[in-house]
C-alpha cells in the first residue's frame, strides 16, 4: 500500500473590499481571512481595495464576507 499524495491545486481568488485606507486596515483584513480553514495566504492592498486569497479549495463567499465584516470592512465581490 502506497501513501497518497495531496494533489489539490491551490485556488487564488481576488476580492474587492471597501474601506481599507492603510497598512493597519490591510493587516486587519488579512488577519481575519487567514483564520478561515483552508486559507494558506492573504495579501490585502489598501490602494487598490483588493485582497488576494490563496486557499486549498474554493471558499464560500458568505464565509469570506463574514471575515471581512469582522475586520470592520465590506466585501463588495470578486475582482
Foldseek 3Di string as FASTA:
>chain_A
DDDDDDPQDKDKFKWAKPDDDDPVLQVLLQVLVCPPPFWDGWGADSVRRIMITIGSDDDDVVSSQVSNVVSPIGTPGTD
